[in-house]
C-alpha atoms as a PDB file:
ATOM      1  CA  MET A   1      12.830 -10.090  -3.111  1.00  0.00           C
ATOM      2  CA  MET A   2      12.908  -9.646   0.650  1.00  0.00           C
ATOM      3  CA  LEU A   3      13.447  -6.219   2.142  1.00  0.00           C
ATOM      4  CA  LYS A   4      14.722  -5.468   5.604  1.00  0.00           C
ATOM      5  CA  PRO A   5      12.215  -3.843   7.969  1.00  0.00           C
ATOM      6  CA  LEU A   6      12.738  -0.167   8.648  1.00  0.00           C
ATOM      7  CA  VAL A   7      11.860  -0.380  12.348  1.00  0.00           C
ATOM      8  CA  SER A   8      13.496  -2.128  15.252  1.00  0.00           C
ATOM      9  CA  VAL A   9      12.044  -5.223  16.890  1.00  0.00           C
ATOM     10  CA  SER A  10      11.676  -3.359  20.173  1.00  0.00           C
ATOM     11  CA  LEU A  11       9.572  -0.623  18.561  1.00  0.00           C
ATOM     12  CA  TYR A  12       7.515  -3.218  16.767  1.00  0.00           C
ATOM     13  CA  THR A  13       6.876  -5.049  20.028  1.00  0.00           C
ATOM     14  CA  LEU A  14       5.585  -1.852  21.612  1.00  0.00           C
ATOM     15  CA  LEU A  15       3.227  -1.139  18.761  1.00  0.00           C
ATOM     16  CA  CYS A  16       2.076  -4.555  17.612  1.00  0.00           C
ATOM     17  CA  SER A  17       0.989  -7.849  19.038  1.00  0.00           C
ATOM     18  CA  SER A  18       0.645 -10.816  16.681  1.00  0.00           C
ATOM     19  CA  ALA A  19      -1.239  -9.393  13.678  1.00  0.00           C
ATOM     20  CA  MET A  20      -2.653  -6.479  15.656  1.00  0.00           C
ATOM     21  CA  ALA A  21      -1.524  -2.853  15.695  1.00  0.00           C
ATOM     22  CA  THR A  22      -2.445  -0.105  18.116  1.00  0.00           C
ATOM     23  CA  SER A  23      -4.081   2.931  16.587  1.00  0.00           C
ATOM     24  CA  ASP A  24      -1.142   5.237  17.388  1.00  0.00           C
ATOM     25  CA  SER A  25       1.334   3.223  15.291  1.00  0.00           C
ATOM     26  CA  TRP A  26       3.091   4.469  12.170  1.00  0.00           C
ATOM     27  CA  TYR A  27       0.175   3.229  10.056  1.00  0.00           C
ATOM     28  CA  VAL A  28      -1.692   6.500   9.559  1.00  0.00           C
ATOM     29  CA  ILE A  29      -3.668   5.877   6.378  1.00  0.00           C
ATOM     30  CA  ASN A  30      -6.140   7.913   4.326  1.00  0.00           C
ATOM     31  CA  ASN A  31      -7.998   6.457   1.365  1.00  0.00           C
ATOM     32  CA  TYR A  32      -9.545   8.400  -1.506  1.00  0.00           C
ATOM     33  CA  GLU A  33     -11.619   7.780  -4.616  1.00  0.00           C
ATOM     34  CA  GLY A  34     -12.086  10.113  -7.530  1.00  0.00           C
ATOM     35  CA  MET A  35     -10.900  11.148 -10.953  1.00  0.00           C
ATOM     36  CA  ILE A  36      -7.657  11.931 -12.749  1.00  0.00           C
ATOM     37  CA  GLY A  37      -8.951  13.617 -15.844  1.00  0.00           C
ATOM     38  CA  LYS A  38     -11.775  11.347 -17.008  1.00  0.00           C
ATOM     39  CA  ASN A  39     -10.276   8.250 -15.393  1.00  0.00           C
ATOM     40  CA  PRO A  40     -11.660   6.826 -12.102  1.00  0.00           C
ATOM     41  CA  VAL A  41      -8.950   6.026  -9.549  1.00  0.00           C
ATOM     42  CA  HIS A  42      -8.470   4.677  -6.026  1.00  0.00           C
ATOM     43  CA  LEU A  43      -5.656   6.171  -3.930  1.00  0.00           C
ATOM     44  CA  SER A  44      -4.282   5.309  -0.483  1.00  0.00           C
ATOM     45  CA  LEU A  45      -1.718   7.444   1.387  1.00  0.00           C
ATOM     46  CA  GLN A  46       0.348   6.757   4.508  1.00  0.00           C
ATOM     47  CA  SER A  47       1.852   9.655   6.450  1.00  0.00           C
ATOM     48  CA  TYR A  48       5.078   8.997   8.358  1.00  0.00           C
ATOM     49  CA  ALA A  49       8.650  10.268   8.625  1.00  0.00           C
ATOM     50  CA  PHE A  50      10.092   7.715   6.213  1.00  0.00           C
ATOM     51  CA  GLY A  51      13.518   9.326   6.268  1.00  0.00           C
ATOM     52  CA  GLY A  52      15.077  12.042   4.140  1.00  0.00           C
ATOM     53  CA  GLN A  53      12.556  14.261   2.422  1.00  0.00           C
ATOM     54  CA  THR A  54       9.814  11.625   2.190  1.00  0.00           C
ATOM     55  CA  THR A  55       6.902  12.102   4.588  1.00  0.00           C
ATOM     56  CA  VAL A  56       4.227  10.237   2.667  1.00  0.00           C
ATOM     57  CA  LYS A  57       4.071   7.014   0.662  1.00  0.00           C
ATOM     58  CA  GLY A  58       1.111   5.568  -1.115  1.00  0.00           C
ATOM     59  CA  SER A  59      -0.433   3.299  -3.667  1.00  0.00           C
ATOM     60  CA  TYR A  60      -2.950   4.131  -6.358  1.00  0.00           C
ATOM     61  CA  TYR A  61      -4.520   2.460  -9.335  1.00  0.00           C
ATOM     62  CA  TYR A  62      -6.689   3.363 -12.282  1.00  0.00           C
ATOM     63  CA  ASP A  63      -9.942   1.425 -11.989  1.00  0.00           C
ATOM     64  CA  LYS A  64      -9.616   0.409 -15.640  1.00  0.00           C
ATOM     65  CA  TYR A  65      -6.271  -1.356 -15.101  1.00  0.00           C
ATOM     66  CA  ARG A  66      -6.202  -2.260 -11.368  1.00  0.00           C
ATOM     67  CA  SER A  67      -2.390  -2.201 -11.261  1.00  0.00           C
ATOM     68  CA  PRO A  68      -1.213  -0.414  -8.075  1.00  0.00           C
ATOM     69  CA  ILE A  69       1.472   2.221  -8.663  1.00  0.00           C
ATOM     70  CA  PRO A  70       3.806   3.025  -5.732  1.00  0.00           C
ATOM     71  CA  LEU A  71       3.955   6.675  -4.661  1.00  0.00           C
ATOM     72  CA  TYR A  72       6.399   8.663  -2.530  1.00  0.00           C
ATOM     73  CA  GLY A  73       6.625  12.333  -1.736  1.00  0.00           C
ATOM     74  CA  ASN A  74       6.245  15.177   0.677  1.00  0.00           C
ATOM     75  CA  LYS A  75       3.237  16.357   2.662  1.00  0.00           C
ATOM     76  CA  THR A  76       2.630  19.722   4.318  1.00  0.00           C
ATOM     77  CA  ALA A  77      -0.360  21.046   6.241  1.00  0.00           C
ATOM     78  CA  THR A  78      -1.950  22.284   3.021  1.00  0.00           C
ATOM     79  CA  SER A  79      -0.593  20.183   0.151  1.00  0.00           C
ATOM     80  CA  ILE A  80       0.940  16.909  -1.053  1.00  0.00           C
ATOM     81  CA  VAL A  81       3.451  16.356  -3.861  1.00  0.00           C
ATOM     82  CA  LEU A  82       3.764  12.761  -5.093  1.00  0.00           C
ATOM     83  CA  CYS A  83       6.165  10.984  -7.432  1.00  0.00           C
ATOM     84  CA  GLU A  84       5.367   7.656  -9.096  1.00  0.00           C
ATOM     85  CA  VAL A  85       7.449   4.484  -9.246  1.00  0.00           C
ATOM     86  CA  ASN A  86       7.318   2.970 -12.732  1.00  0.00           C
ATOM     87  CA  THR A  87      10.464   0.802 -12.886  1.00  0.00           C
ATOM     88  CA  ASP A  88      12.374  -1.619 -10.673  1.00  0.00           C
ATOM     89  CA  LYS A  89      15.239   0.886 -10.591  1.00  0.00           C
ATOM     90  CA  GLU A  90      12.968   3.639  -9.257  1.00  0.00           C
ATOM     91  CA  TYR A  91      11.546   1.244  -6.666  1.00  0.00           C
ATOM     92  CA  ARG A  92      15.025   0.333  -5.456  1.00  0.00           C
ATOM     93  CA  GLU A  93      16.238   3.933  -5.321  1.00  0.00           C
ATOM     94  CA  HIS A  94      13.221   5.731  -3.869  1.00  0.00           C
ATOM     95  CA  ILE A  95      11.423   3.043  -1.841  1.00  0.00           C
ATOM     96  CA  GLU A  96      14.306   0.920  -0.578  1.00  0.00           C
ATOM     97  CA  GLU A  97      17.236   3.355  -0.531  1.00  0.00           C
ATOM     98  CA  GLY A  98      15.614   6.783  -0.103  1.00  0.00           C
ATOM     99  CA  VAL A  99      17.596   8.494  -2.864  1.00  0.00           C
ATOM    100  CA  LYS A 100      17.030  12.258  -3.037  1.00  0.00           C
ATOM    101  CA  TYR A 101      14.704  13.548  -5.731  1.00  0.00           C
ATOM    102  CA  ASP A 102      13.436  16.794  -7.204  1.00  0.00           C
ATOM    103  CA  THR A 103       9.813  17.276  -6.119  1.00  0.00           C
ATOM    104  CA  SER A 104       9.223  19.668  -9.027  1.00  0.00           C
ATOM    105  CA  THR A 105       9.336  16.655 -11.350  1.00  0.00           C
ATOM    106  CA  CYS A 106       6.626  14.745  -9.436  1.00  0.00           C
ATOM    107  CA  PRO A 107       3.426  14.470 -11.522  1.00  0.00           C
ATOM    108  CA  LEU A 108       0.853  14.669  -8.702  1.00  0.00           C
ATOM    109  CA  LYS A 109       0.487  18.039  -6.996  1.00  0.00           C
ATOM    110  CA  LEU A 110      -2.513  18.159  -4.667  1.00  0.00           C
ATOM    111  CA  ALA A 111      -4.032  20.586  -2.188  1.00  0.00           C
ATOM    112  CA  PHE A 112      -6.338  19.836   0.716  1.00  0.00           C
ATOM    113  CA  GLY A 113      -9.918  21.007   0.513  1.00  0.00           C
ATOM    114  CA  GLY A 114     -11.232  19.909   3.880  1.00  0.00           C
ATOM    115  CA  ASP A 115     -10.825  16.116   3.906  1.00  0.00           C
ATOM    116  CA  ASN A 116     -10.644  15.955   0.116  1.00  0.00           C
ATOM    117  CA  LEU A 117      -7.825  16.517  -2.357  1.00  0.00           C
ATOM    118  CA  GLN A 118      -7.694  18.399  -5.627  1.00  0.00           C
ATOM    119  CA  GLY A 119      -4.960  19.452  -8.002  1.00  0.00           C
ATOM    120  CA  THR A 120      -3.209  18.200 -11.136  1.00  0.00           C
ATOM    121  CA  TRP A 121      -1.431  15.221 -12.623  1.00  0.00           C
ATOM    122  CA  GLN A 122       1.091  16.601 -15.086  1.00  0.00           C
ATOM    123  CA  ASN A 123       3.961  15.432 -17.271  1.00  0.00           C
ATOM    124  CA  LYS A 124       5.787  17.129 -20.140  1.00  0.00           C
ATOM    125  CA  LYS A 125       2.865  16.638 -22.540  1.00  0.00           C
ATOM    126  CA  THR A 126      -0.315  16.429 -20.482  1.00  0.00           C
ATOM    127  CA  SER A 127      -2.015  18.173 -17.578  1.00  0.00           C
ATOM    128  CA  LEU A 128      -5.079  16.553 -15.994  1.00  0.00           C
ATOM    129  CA  THR A 129      -7.373  17.776 -13.240  1.00  0.00           C
ATOM    130  CA  VAL A 130      -7.428  15.608 -10.106  1.00  0.00           C
ATOM    131  CA  ILE A 131     -10.459  15.503  -7.782  1.00  0.00           C
ATOM    132  CA  LEU A 132     -10.407  13.000  -4.908  1.00  0.00           C
ATOM    133  CA  GLN A 133     -12.948  12.368  -2.148  1.00  0.00           C
ATOM    134  CA  HIS A 134     -11.858  10.999   1.212  1.00  0.00           C
ATOM    135  CA  THR A 135     -13.422   7.583   1.913  1.00  0.00           C
ATOM    136  CA  ALA A 136     -11.732   6.057   4.975  1.00  0.00           C
ATOM    137  CA  SER A 137      -8.946   6.506   7.517  1.00  0.00           C
ATOM    138  CA  MET A 138      -6.837   4.397   9.822  1.00  0.00           C
ATOM    139  CA  ASP A 139      -5.244   6.570  12.482  1.00  0.00           C
ATOM    140  CA  ALA A 140      -5.635   7.637  16.119  1.00  0.00           C
ATOM    141  CA  THR A 141      -9.350   6.998  15.620  1.00  0.00           C
ATOM    142  CA  PRO A 142      -9.167   3.553  14.004  1.00  0.00           C
ATOM    143  CA  LEU A 143     -10.939   3.368  10.659  1.00  0.00           C
ATOM    144  CA  ALA A 144     -12.498   6.791  11.091  1.00  0.00           C
ATOM    145  CA  GLY A 145     -15.285   7.709   8.713  1.00  0.00           C
ATOM    146  CA  ASN A 146     -15.894   4.111   7.704  1.00  0.00           C
ATOM    147  CA  THR A 147     -19.140   2.671   9.077  1.00  0.00           C
ATOM    148  CA  LYS A 148     -18.157  -0.830   7.948  1.00  0.00           C
ATOM    149  CA  GLN A 149     -15.006  -0.571  10.084  1.00  0.00           C
ATOM    150  CA  LEU A 150     -12.935  -1.938   7.193  1.00  0.00           C
ATOM    151  CA  ILE A 151     -10.239  -0.377   5.031  1.00  0.00           C
ATOM    152  CA  ASP A 152      -8.679  -1.651   1.797  1.00  0.00           C
ATOM    153  CA  ILE A 153      -4.906  -1.491   1.312  1.00  0.00           C
ATOM    154  CA  PRO A 154      -3.686  -1.868  -2.300  1.00  0.00           C
ATOM    155  CA  PHE A 155      -0.338  -3.613  -1.837  1.00  0.00           C
ATOM    156  CA  TRP A 156       2.518  -2.746  -4.177  1.00  0.00           C
ATOM    157  CA  GLY A 157       3.248  -6.398  -4.938  1.00  0.00           C
ATOM    158  CA  GLN A 158       1.368  -7.792  -7.913  1.00  0.00           C
ATOM    159  CA  SER A 159       1.642 -10.306 -10.708  1.00  0.00           C
ATOM    160  CA  ASP A 160       0.996  -9.776 -14.398  1.00  0.00           C
ATOM    161  CA  GLU A 161      -2.604 -10.918 -14.048  1.00  0.00           C
ATOM    162  CA  HIS A 162      -3.567 -10.094 -10.445  1.00  0.00           C
ATOM    163  CA  SER A 163      -3.355  -7.383  -7.819  1.00  0.00           C
ATOM    164  CA  PHE A 164      -3.716  -7.877  -4.070  1.00  0.00           C
ATOM    165  CA  ILE A 165      -5.910  -5.840  -1.740  1.00  0.00           C
ATOM    166  CA  GLY A 166      -5.512  -6.236   2.011  1.00  0.00           C
ATOM    167  CA  VAL A 167      -8.691  -5.899   4.081  1.00  0.00           C
ATOM    168  CA  TYR A 168      -7.942  -4.454   7.523  1.00  0.00           C
ATOM    169  CA  GLU A 169     -10.617  -4.319  10.201  1.00  0.00           C
ATOM    170  CA  LYS A 170     -11.227  -2.790  13.602  1.00  0.00           C
ATOM    171  CA  LYS A 171     -11.153  -5.130  16.600  1.00  0.00           C
ATOM    172  CA  GLY A 172     -11.782  -3.255  19.836  1.00  0.00           C
ATOM    173  CA  ASN A 173      -9.236  -0.446  19.972  1.00  0.00           C
ATOM    174  CA  ASP A 174      -6.899  -2.185  17.550  1.00  0.00           C
ATOM    175  CA  ILE A 175      -6.620  -2.964  13.847  1.00  0.00           C
ATOM    176  CA  SER A 176      -5.960  -6.412  12.408  1.00  0.00           C
ATOM    177  CA  ILE A 177      -5.540  -7.847   8.929  1.00  0.00           C
ATOM    178  CA  ASN A 178      -8.688  -9.722   7.912  1.00  0.00           C
ATOM    179  CA  ASN A 179      -7.757 -11.204   4.545  1.00  0.00           C
ATOM    180  CA  VAL A 180      -6.123 -10.502   1.200  1.00  0.00           C
ATOM    181  CA  LYS A 181      -8.345 -10.322  -1.868  1.00  0.00           C
ATOM    182  CA  VAL A 182      -6.852 -11.496  -5.163  1.00  0.00           C
ATOM    183  CA  LEU A 183      -8.219  -9.219  -7.895  1.00  0.00           C
ATOM    184  CA  ASP A 184      -8.267 -10.172 -11.564  1.00  0.00           C
ATOM    185  CA  LYS A 185      -6.896  -7.110 -13.353  1.00  0.00           C
ATOM    186  CA  HIS A 186      -8.975  -7.677 -16.475  1.00  0.00           C
ATOM    187  CA  SER A 187     -12.407  -8.337 -14.990  1.00  0.00           C
ATOM    188  CA  GLY A 188     -12.067  -6.677 -11.596  1.00  0.00           C
ATOM    189  CA  ASN A 189     -13.499  -9.789  -9.942  1.00  0.00           C
ATOM    190  CA  VAL A 190     -12.183 -11.197  -6.676  1.00  0.00           C
ATOM    191  CA  VAL A 191     -10.971 -14.655  -7.706  1.00  0.00           C
ATOM    192  CA  GLN A 192      -9.435 -15.791  -4.412  1.00  0.00           C
ATOM    193  CA  VAL A 193      -9.250 -14.787  -0.756  1.00  0.00           C
ATOM    194  CA  ILE A 194      -5.969 -15.553   1.052  1.00  0.00           C
ATOM    195  CA  ASP A 195      -5.544 -15.936   4.806  1.00  0.00           C
ATOM    196  CA  PRO A 196      -2.128 -14.254   5.132  1.00  0.00           C
ATOM    197  CA  GLN A 197      -1.532 -15.534   8.677  1.00  0.00           C
ATOM    198  CA  LEU A 198      -0.977 -19.126   7.546  1.00  0.00           C
ATOM    199  CA  HIS A 199       2.372 -20.857   7.035  1.00  0.00           C
ATOM    200  CA  ASN A 200       4.123 -19.367  10.060  1.00  0.00           C
ATOM    201  CA  CYS A 201       3.560 -15.829   8.813  1.00  0.00           C
ATOM    202  CA  THR A 202       2.631 -13.052  11.216  1.00  0.00           C
ATOM    203  CA  PHE A 203       1.517 -10.700   8.493  1.00  0.00           C
ATOM    204  CA  GLY A 204       0.116  -7.234   8.168  1.00  0.00           C
ATOM    205  CA  PHE A 205       2.129  -4.824  10.329  1.00  0.00           C
ATOM    206  CA  TYR A 206       5.757  -5.555   9.504  1.00  0.00           C
ATOM    207  CA  MET A 207       7.140  -3.256   6.830  1.00  0.00           C
ATOM    208  CA  THR A 208       7.130   0.454   7.659  1.00  0.00           C
ATOM    209  CA  ALA A 209       5.296   1.230   4.457  1.00  0.00           C
ATOM    210  CA  ILE A 210       2.115  -0.822   4.823  1.00  0.00           C
ATOM    211  CA  TYR A 211       1.853  -1.285   1.036  1.00  0.00           C
ATOM    212  CA  GLN A 212       5.201  -3.114   1.128  1.00  0.00           C
ATOM    213  CA  ASN A 213       3.877  -6.066   3.119  1.00  0.00           C
ATOM    214  CA  ILE A 214       3.291  -7.816  -0.214  1.00  0.00           C
ATOM    215  CA  GLU A 215       5.969  -7.429  -2.879  1.00  0.00           C
ATOM    216  CA  LYS A 216       6.580  -8.911  -6.286  1.00  0.00           C
ATOM    217  CA  VAL A 217       9.256 -11.478  -7.057  1.00  0.00           C
ATOM    218  CA  ASN A 218      11.182 -12.090 -10.261  1.00  0.00           C
ATOM    219  CA  SER A 219       8.346 -14.085 -11.723  1.00  0.00           C
ATOM    220  CA  PRO A 220       5.327 -13.113 -13.844  1.00  0.00           C
ATOM    221  CA  SER A 221       2.989 -14.970 -11.466  1.00  0.00           C
ATOM    222  CA  GLY A 222       4.561 -14.781  -8.015  1.00  0.00           C
ATOM    223  CA  ILE A 223       4.481 -12.618  -4.899  1.00  0.00           C
ATOM    224  CA  VAL A 224       6.063 -12.655  -1.451  1.00  0.00           C
ATOM    225  CA  LEU A 225       4.346 -11.941   1.875  1.00  0.00           C
ATOM    226  CA  ASN A 226       6.680 -10.175   4.291  1.00  0.00           C
ATOM    227  CA  CYS A 227       6.196 -11.720   7.721  1.00  0.00           C
ATOM    228  CA  TYR A 228       7.240 -10.567  11.172  1.00  0.00           C
ATOM    229  CA  SER A 229       9.829 -12.697  12.922  1.00  0.00           C
ATOM    230  CA  THR A 230      11.904 -12.261  16.072  1.00  0.00           C
ATOM    231  CA  GLY A 231      14.543 -14.481  14.497  1.00  0.00           C
ATOM    232  CA  SER A 232      15.800 -14.563  10.936  1.00  0.00           C
ATOM    233  CA  ASP A 233      13.919 -12.871   8.106  1.00  0.00           C
ATOM    234  CA  ASN A 234      10.733 -14.714   7.257  1.00  0.00           C
ATOM    235  CA  SER A 235       8.946 -14.692   3.923  1.00  0.00           C
ATOM    236  CA  VAL A 236       6.185 -16.754   2.387  1.00  0.00           C
ATOM    237  CA  PHE A 237       6.271 -17.110  -1.395  1.00  0.00           C
ATOM    238  CA  TYR A 238       3.102 -17.658  -3.396  1.00  0.00           C
ATOM    239  CA  GLY A 239       2.859 -18.651  -7.039  1.00  0.00           C
ATOM    240  CA  PHE A 240      -0.147 -19.022  -9.300  1.00  0.00           C
ATOM    241  CA  SER A 241      -1.142 -22.613 -10.058  1.00  0.00           C
ATOM    242  CA  LYS A 242      -2.843 -23.037 -13.438  1.00  0.00           C
ATOM    243  CA  ALA A 243      -4.173 -26.418 -12.308  1.00  0.00           C
ATOM    244  CA  SER A 244      -5.817 -25.005  -9.176  1.00  0.00           C
ATOM    245  CA  HIS A 245      -6.512 -21.533 -10.633  1.00  0.00           C
ATOM    246  CA  ALA A 246      -5.260 -20.117  -7.335  1.00  0.00           C
ATOM    247  CA  TYR A 247      -2.178 -18.814  -5.555  1.00  0.00           C
ATOM    248  CA  LEU A 248      -0.468 -21.548  -3.556  1.00  0.00           C
ATOM    249  CA  VAL A 249       2.549 -21.486  -1.258  1.00  0.00           C
ATOM    250  CA  ILE A 250       5.852 -22.381  -2.882  1.00  0.00           C
ATOM    251  CA  ASN A 251       8.134 -24.313  -0.540  1.00  0.00           C
END
């Protein structure tokens, strides 16, 4: 599945060069770690005017399962309300098409407490306390609050067995994509490191939602890297090879 970019080439050219992005681009990211109920989680949020009522998108996963769940919602100066994407239909409607939604039905309702977030995750049967600590940022001060000058981006695209974490790093006043870690969902181990810039792919700052730069395909063991191109749409498809025990490019 290849999605059209949500920004024009001219805007992209102003903000990005090769795999680099200036710190004042639309990639304003905040990462958090903490608990939903008794369950440890990692959460990453991107603030931007995505169109319609959506001003924030994100990706989060329970440490036990390591399966990133897409998020979309609305952010104010004091709070964030987030809905989850759990089906292909929801992804198409709320990530690709921007269909209107009722924020009162969103399970995550969070309030700012300084840099941290707290609130509830709630459905019709359960209400859980949410406590999240801020861990890293990528914004006007690139990778603020992160002494390692690195930030992890949990991409939405995943296979049945693996998730994909992009490692972005500071280079001078800019940010670049370093590599993509392939994470085994069962063990949590990094089983492969992919250089996403290979195979004529300028990767990392293409899709408006940064988590969308890797998406799933209609395969239990495949993903697609969305690449920047000044010509026709460019994608690089990867599939898992049982013989090599690694993701390889599919021509």
